[in-house]
PDB file of N, CA and C in Angstrom:
ATOM      1  N   MET A   1       5.408  12.531  12.368  1.00  0.00           N
ATOM      2  CA  MET A   1       6.630  11.789  12.531  1.00  0.00           C
ATOM      3  C   MET A   1       7.790  12.780  12.560  1.00  0.00           C
ATOM      4  N   THR A   2       8.687  12.573  13.505  1.00  0.00           N
ATOM      5  CA  THR A   2       9.899  13.392  13.554  1.00  0.00           C
ATOM      6  C   THR A   2      11.112  12.471  13.531  1.00  0.00           C
ATOM      7  N   LEU A   3      12.191  12.967  12.961  1.00  0.00           N
ATOM      8  CA  LEU A   3      13.403  12.175  12.889  1.00  0.00           C
ATOM      9  C   LEU A   3      13.925  11.839  14.282  1.00  0.00           C
ATOM     10  N   SER A   4      13.839  12.786  15.190  1.00  0.00           N
ATOM     11  CA  SER A   4      14.330  12.533  16.545  1.00  0.00           C
ATOM     12  C   SER A   4      13.555  11.400  17.224  1.00  0.00           C
ATOM     13  N   GLU A   5      12.261  11.319  16.998  1.00  0.00           N
ATOM     14  CA  GLU A   5      11.458  10.232  17.574  1.00  0.00           C
ATOM     15  C   GLU A   5      11.823   8.895  16.930  1.00  0.00           C
ATOM     16  N   GLU A   6      12.025   8.895  15.633  1.00  0.00           N
ATOM     17  CA  GLU A   6      12.361   7.654  14.945  1.00  0.00           C
ATOM     18  C   GLU A   6      13.757   7.175  15.325  1.00  0.00           C
ATOM     19  N   LEU A   7      14.679   8.095  15.556  1.00  0.00           N
ATOM     20  CA  LEU A   7      16.038   7.725  15.951  1.00  0.00           C
ATOM     21  C   LEU A   7      16.079   7.046  17.319  1.00  0.00           C
ATOM     22  N   LYS A   8      15.081   7.308  18.149  1.00  0.00           N
ATOM     23  CA  LYS A   8      15.004   6.636  19.449  1.00  0.00           C
ATOM     24  C   LYS A   8      14.786   5.131  19.273  1.00  0.00           C
ATOM     25  N   LYS A   9      14.228   4.747  18.131  1.00  0.00           N
ATOM     26  CA  LYS A   9      13.960   3.337  17.845  1.00  0.00           C
ATOM     27  C   LYS A   9      15.201   2.621  17.311  1.00  0.00           C
ATOM     28  N   GLY A  10      16.188   3.373  16.841  1.00  0.00           N
ATOM     29  CA  GLY A  10      17.400   2.769  16.297  1.00  0.00           C
ATOM     30  C   GLY A  10      17.881   3.496  15.064  1.00  0.00           C
ATOM     31  N   PRO A  11      18.873   2.908  14.379  1.00  0.00           N
ATOM     32  CA  PRO A  11      19.458   3.541  13.192  1.00  0.00           C
ATOM     33  C   PRO A  11      18.440   3.697  12.064  1.00  0.00           C
ATOM     34  N   ILE A  12      18.720   4.674  11.216  1.00  0.00           N
ATOM     35  CA  ILE A  12      17.831   4.980  10.096  1.00  0.00           C
ATOM     36  C   ILE A  12      18.643   5.120   8.824  1.00  0.00           C
ATOM     37  N   ASN A  13      18.127   4.537   7.744  1.00  0.00           N
ATOM     38  CA  ASN A  13      18.620   4.826   6.400  1.00  0.00           C
ATOM     39  C   ASN A  13      17.648   5.842   5.822  1.00  0.00           C
ATOM     40  N   LEU A  14      18.113   7.048   5.650  1.00  0.00           N
ATOM     41  CA  LEU A  14      17.267   8.148   5.198  1.00  0.00           C
ATOM     42  C   LEU A  14      17.561   8.446   3.740  1.00  0.00           C
ATOM     43  N   ILE A  15      16.522   8.395   2.906  1.00  0.00           N
ATOM     44  CA  ILE A  15      16.694   8.718   1.499  1.00  0.00           C
ATOM     45  C   ILE A  15      15.691   9.793   1.106  1.00  0.00           C
ATOM     46  N   PHE A  16      16.034  10.523   0.071  1.00  0.00           N
ATOM     47  CA  PHE A  16      15.167  11.575  -0.457  1.00  0.00           C
ATOM     48  C   PHE A  16      14.686  11.144  -1.834  1.00  0.00           C
ATOM     49  N   TYR A  17      13.385  11.206  -2.025  1.00  0.00           N
ATOM     50  CA  TYR A  17      12.721  10.754  -3.244  1.00  0.00           C
ATOM     51  C   TYR A  17      12.019  11.952  -3.849  1.00  0.00           C
ATOM     52  N   ARG A  18      12.497  12.412  -5.009  1.00  0.00           N
ATOM     53  CA  ARG A  18      11.940  13.639  -5.602  1.00  0.00           C
ATOM     54  C   ARG A  18      10.526  13.452  -6.119  1.00  0.00           C
ATOM     55  N   GLY A  19      10.205  12.276  -6.604  1.00  0.00           N
ATOM     56  CA  GLY A  19       8.849  12.039  -7.068  1.00  0.00           C
ATOM     57  C   GLY A  19       8.798  10.980  -8.148  1.00  0.00           C
ATOM     58  N   GLU A  20       7.572  10.566  -8.472  1.00  0.00           N
ATOM     59  CA  GLU A  20       7.389   9.497  -9.449  1.00  0.00           C
ATOM     60  C   GLU A  20       7.863   9.889 -10.841  1.00  0.00           C
ATOM     61  N   TRP A  21       8.001  11.150 -11.103  1.00  0.00           N
ATOM     62  CA  TRP A  21       8.463  11.637 -12.400  1.00  0.00           C
ATOM     63  C   TRP A  21       9.969  11.438 -12.598  1.00  0.00           C
ATOM     64  N   CYS A  22      10.721  11.143 -11.527  1.00  0.00           N
ATOM     65  CA  CYS A  22      12.183  11.023 -11.577  1.00  0.00           C
ATOM     66  C   CYS A  22      12.596   9.560 -11.783  1.00  0.00           C
ATOM     67  N   PRO A  23      13.083   9.201 -12.973  1.00  0.00           N
ATOM     68  CA  PRO A  23      13.436   7.798 -13.209  1.00  0.00           C
ATOM     69  C   PRO A  23      14.565   7.305 -12.310  1.00  0.00           C
ATOM     70  N   PHE A  24      15.506   8.159 -11.984  1.00  0.00           N
ATOM     71  CA  PHE A  24      16.608   7.755 -11.113  1.00  0.00           C
ATOM     72  C   PHE A  24      16.123   7.494  -9.693  1.00  0.00           C
ATOM     73  N   CYS A  25      15.212   8.328  -9.237  1.00  0.00           N
ATOM     74  CA  CYS A  25      14.646   8.131  -7.897  1.00  0.00           C
ATOM     75  C   CYS A  25      13.860   6.825  -7.832  1.00  0.00           C
ATOM     76  N   ASN A  26      13.131   6.513  -8.904  1.00  0.00           N
ATOM     77  CA  ASN A  26      12.365   5.268  -8.936  1.00  0.00           C
ATOM     78  C   ASN A  26      13.286   4.058  -8.887  1.00  0.00           C
ATOM     79  N   LEU A  27      14.395   4.109  -9.620  1.00  0.00           N
ATOM     80  CA  LEU A  27      15.363   3.013  -9.577  1.00  0.00           C
ATOM     81  C   LEU A  27      15.942   2.857  -8.180  1.00  0.00           C
ATOM     82  N   GLN A  28      16.280   3.976  -7.566  1.00  0.00           N
ATOM     83  CA  GLN A  28      16.847   3.944  -6.219  1.00  0.00           C
ATOM     84  C   GLN A  28      15.838   3.377  -5.226  1.00  0.00           C
ATOM     85  N   LEU A  29      14.599   3.841  -5.301  1.00  0.00           N
ATOM     86  CA  LEU A  29      13.576   3.378  -4.368  1.00  0.00           C
ATOM     87  C   LEU A  29      13.314   1.879  -4.531  1.00  0.00           C
ATOM     88  N   LYS A  30      13.278   1.405  -5.765  1.00  0.00           N
ATOM     89  CA  LYS A  30      13.063  -0.029  -6.000  1.00  0.00           C
ATOM     90  C   LYS A  30      14.234  -0.854  -5.480  1.00  0.00           C
ATOM     91  N   ALA A  31      15.452  -0.331  -5.614  1.00  0.00           N
ATOM     92  CA  ALA A  31      16.627  -1.033  -5.095  1.00  0.00           C
ATOM     93  C   ALA A  31      16.561  -1.124  -3.575  1.00  0.00           C
ATOM     94  N   TYR A  32      16.182  -0.047  -2.925  1.00  0.00           N
ATOM     95  CA  TYR A  32      16.037  -0.084  -1.469  1.00  0.00           C
ATOM     96  C   TYR A  32      14.912  -1.018  -1.049  1.00  0.00           C
ATOM     97  N   GLU A  33      13.851  -1.071  -1.830  1.00  0.00           N
ATOM     98  CA  GLU A  33      12.738  -1.961  -1.510  1.00  0.00           C
ATOM     99  C   GLU A  33      13.195  -3.416  -1.523  1.00  0.00           C
ATOM    100  N   ARG A  34      14.089  -3.754  -2.463  1.00  0.00           N
ATOM    101  CA  ARG A  34      14.590  -5.127  -2.548  1.00  0.00           C
ATOM    102  C   ARG A  34      15.422  -5.519  -1.331  1.00  0.00           C
ATOM    103  N   ILE A  35      16.082  -4.562  -0.703  1.00  0.00           N
ATOM    104  CA  ILE A  35      16.938  -4.887   0.448  1.00  0.00           C
ATOM    105  C   ILE A  35      16.343  -4.428   1.777  1.00  0.00           C
ATOM    106  N   ARG A  36      15.081  -4.041   1.746  1.00  0.00           N
ATOM    107  CA  ARG A  36      14.439  -3.545   2.966  1.00  0.00           C
ATOM    108  C   ARG A  36      14.470  -4.559   4.098  1.00  0.00           C
ATOM    109  N   SER A  37      14.292  -5.837   3.781  1.00  0.00           N
ATOM    110  CA  SER A  37      14.335  -6.856   4.839  1.00  0.00           C
ATOM    111  C   SER A  37      15.743  -6.968   5.430  1.00  0.00           C
ATOM    112  N   ASP A  38      16.773  -6.781   4.604  1.00  0.00           N
ATOM    113  CA  ASP A  38      18.149  -6.794   5.120  1.00  0.00           C
ATOM    114  C   ASP A  38      18.395  -5.608   6.045  1.00  0.00           C
ATOM    115  N   ILE A  39      17.861  -4.460   5.670  1.00  0.00           N
ATOM    116  CA  ILE A  39      17.999  -3.262   6.506  1.00  0.00           C
ATOM    117  C   ILE A  39      17.320  -3.494   7.849  1.00  0.00           C
ATOM    118  N   LYS A  40      16.120  -4.063   7.791  1.00  0.00           N
ATOM    119  CA  LYS A  40      15.372  -4.324   9.028  1.00  0.00           C
ATOM    120  C   LYS A  40      16.089  -5.355   9.899  1.00  0.00           C
ATOM    121  N   SER A  41      16.615  -6.409   9.287  1.00  0.00           N
ATOM    122  CA  SER A  41      17.304  -7.435  10.079  1.00  0.00           C
ATOM    123  C   SER A  41      18.607  -6.909  10.685  1.00  0.00           C
ATOM    124  N   ALA A  42      19.154  -5.834  10.107  1.00  0.00           N
ATOM    125  CA  ALA A  42      20.346  -5.200  10.677  1.00  0.00           C
ATOM    126  C   ALA A  42      19.984  -4.245  11.808  1.00  0.00           C
ATOM    127  N   GLY A  43      18.681  -4.109  12.083  1.00  0.00           N
ATOM    128  CA  GLY A  43      18.231  -3.275  13.191  1.00  0.00           C
ATOM    129  C   GLY A  43      17.941  -1.833  12.817  1.00  0.00           C
ATOM    130  N   ALA A  44      17.872  -1.558  11.520  1.00  0.00           N
ATOM    131  CA  ALA A  44      17.611  -0.188  11.065  1.00  0.00           C
ATOM    132  C   ALA A  44      16.252  -0.121  10.375  1.00  0.00           C
ATOM    133  N   GLN A  45      15.823   1.101  10.135  1.00  0.00           N
ATOM    134  CA  GLN A  45      14.606   1.291   9.366  1.00  0.00           C
ATOM    135  C   GLN A  45      14.902   2.200   8.185  1.00  0.00           C
ATOM    136  N   LEU A  46      14.097   2.067   7.149  1.00  0.00           N
ATOM    137  CA  LEU A  46      14.244   2.860   5.938  1.00  0.00           C
ATOM    138  C   LEU A  46      13.164   3.930   5.936  1.00  0.00           C
ATOM    139  N   ILE A  47      13.584   5.165   5.786  1.00  0.00           N
ATOM    140  CA  ILE A  47      12.640   6.279   5.709  1.00  0.00           C
ATOM    141  C   ILE A  47      12.932   7.058   4.431  1.00  0.00           C
ATOM    142  N   ALA A  48      11.915   7.238   3.610  1.00  0.00           N
ATOM    143  CA  ALA A  48      12.042   8.008   2.376  1.00  0.00           C
ATOM    144  C   ALA A  48      11.251   9.304   2.533  1.00  0.00           C
ATOM    145  N   ILE A  49      11.891  10.412   2.219  1.00  0.00           N
ATOM    146  CA  ILE A  49      11.253  11.725   2.297  1.00  0.00           C
ATOM    147  C   ILE A  49      10.979  12.205   0.882  1.00  0.00           C
ATOM    148  N   SER A  50       9.742  12.652   0.642  1.00  0.00           N
ATOM    149  CA  SER A  50       9.342  13.095  -0.687  1.00  0.00           C
ATOM    150  C   SER A  50       8.368  14.269  -0.573  1.00  0.00           C
ATOM    151  N   PRO A  51       8.413  15.175  -1.558  1.00  0.00           N
ATOM    152  CA  PRO A  51       7.411  16.241  -1.580  1.00  0.00           C
ATOM    153  C   PRO A  51       6.061  15.735  -2.092  1.00  0.00           C
ATOM    154  N   GLN A  52       6.025  14.506  -2.618  1.00  0.00           N
ATOM    155  CA  GLN A  52       4.794  13.930  -3.134  1.00  0.00           C
ATOM    156  C   GLN A  52       3.962  13.323  -2.020  1.00  0.00           C
ATOM    157  N   THR A  53       2.683  13.281  -2.246  1.00  0.00           N
ATOM    158  CA  THR A  53       1.816  12.586  -1.289  1.00  0.00           C
ATOM    159  C   THR A  53       1.985  11.080  -1.477  1.00  0.00           C
ATOM    160  N   PRO A  54       1.754  10.295  -0.440  1.00  0.00           N
ATOM    161  CA  PRO A  54       1.913   8.832  -0.556  1.00  0.00           C
ATOM    162  C   PRO A  54       1.074   8.212  -1.676  1.00  0.00           C
ATOM    163  N   ASP A  55      -0.107   8.742  -1.942  1.00  0.00           N
ATOM    164  CA  ASP A  55      -0.954   8.183  -2.986  1.00  0.00           C
ATOM    165  C   ASP A  55      -0.232   8.146  -4.327  1.00  0.00           C
ATOM    166  N   HIS A  56       0.491   9.202  -4.654  1.00  0.00           N
ATOM    167  CA  HIS A  56       1.195   9.245  -5.936  1.00  0.00           C
ATOM    168  C   HIS A  56       2.493   8.443  -5.880  1.00  0.00           C
ATOM    169  N   SER A  57       3.176   8.447  -4.783  1.00  0.00           N
ATOM    170  CA  SER A  57       4.447   7.737  -4.668  1.00  0.00           C
ATOM    171  C   SER A  57       4.247   6.226  -4.757  1.00  0.00           C
ATOM    172  N   LEU A  58       3.145   5.722  -4.268  1.00  0.00           N
ATOM    173  CA  LEU A  58       2.903   4.286  -4.266  1.00  0.00           C
ATOM    174  C   LEU A  58       2.471   3.756  -5.616  1.00  0.00           C
ATOM    175  N   SER A  59       2.212   4.644  -6.584  1.00  0.00           N
ATOM    176  CA  SER A  59       1.729   4.192  -7.890  1.00  0.00           C
ATOM    177  C   SER A  59       2.826   3.603  -8.747  1.00  0.00           C
ATOM    178  N   GLN A  60       4.078   3.748  -8.345  1.00  0.00           N
ATOM    179  CA  GLN A  60       5.209   3.252  -9.151  1.00  0.00           C
ATOM    180  C   GLN A  60       5.504   1.833  -8.864  1.00  0.00           C
TER     181      GLN A  60
END
């Protein structure tokens, strides 16, 4: 996945997620998850960048 390819699809809300060990990042990610449908209905997509593998990030 590249940002340039995703931008061809429309606007992007890009966030950086340090990892499951970061309580502030977890709060932020959960807040974005609650409004993800609003972001999508506005024509944008949410992309989170993390140094963690998806297996660990999804455990929260």
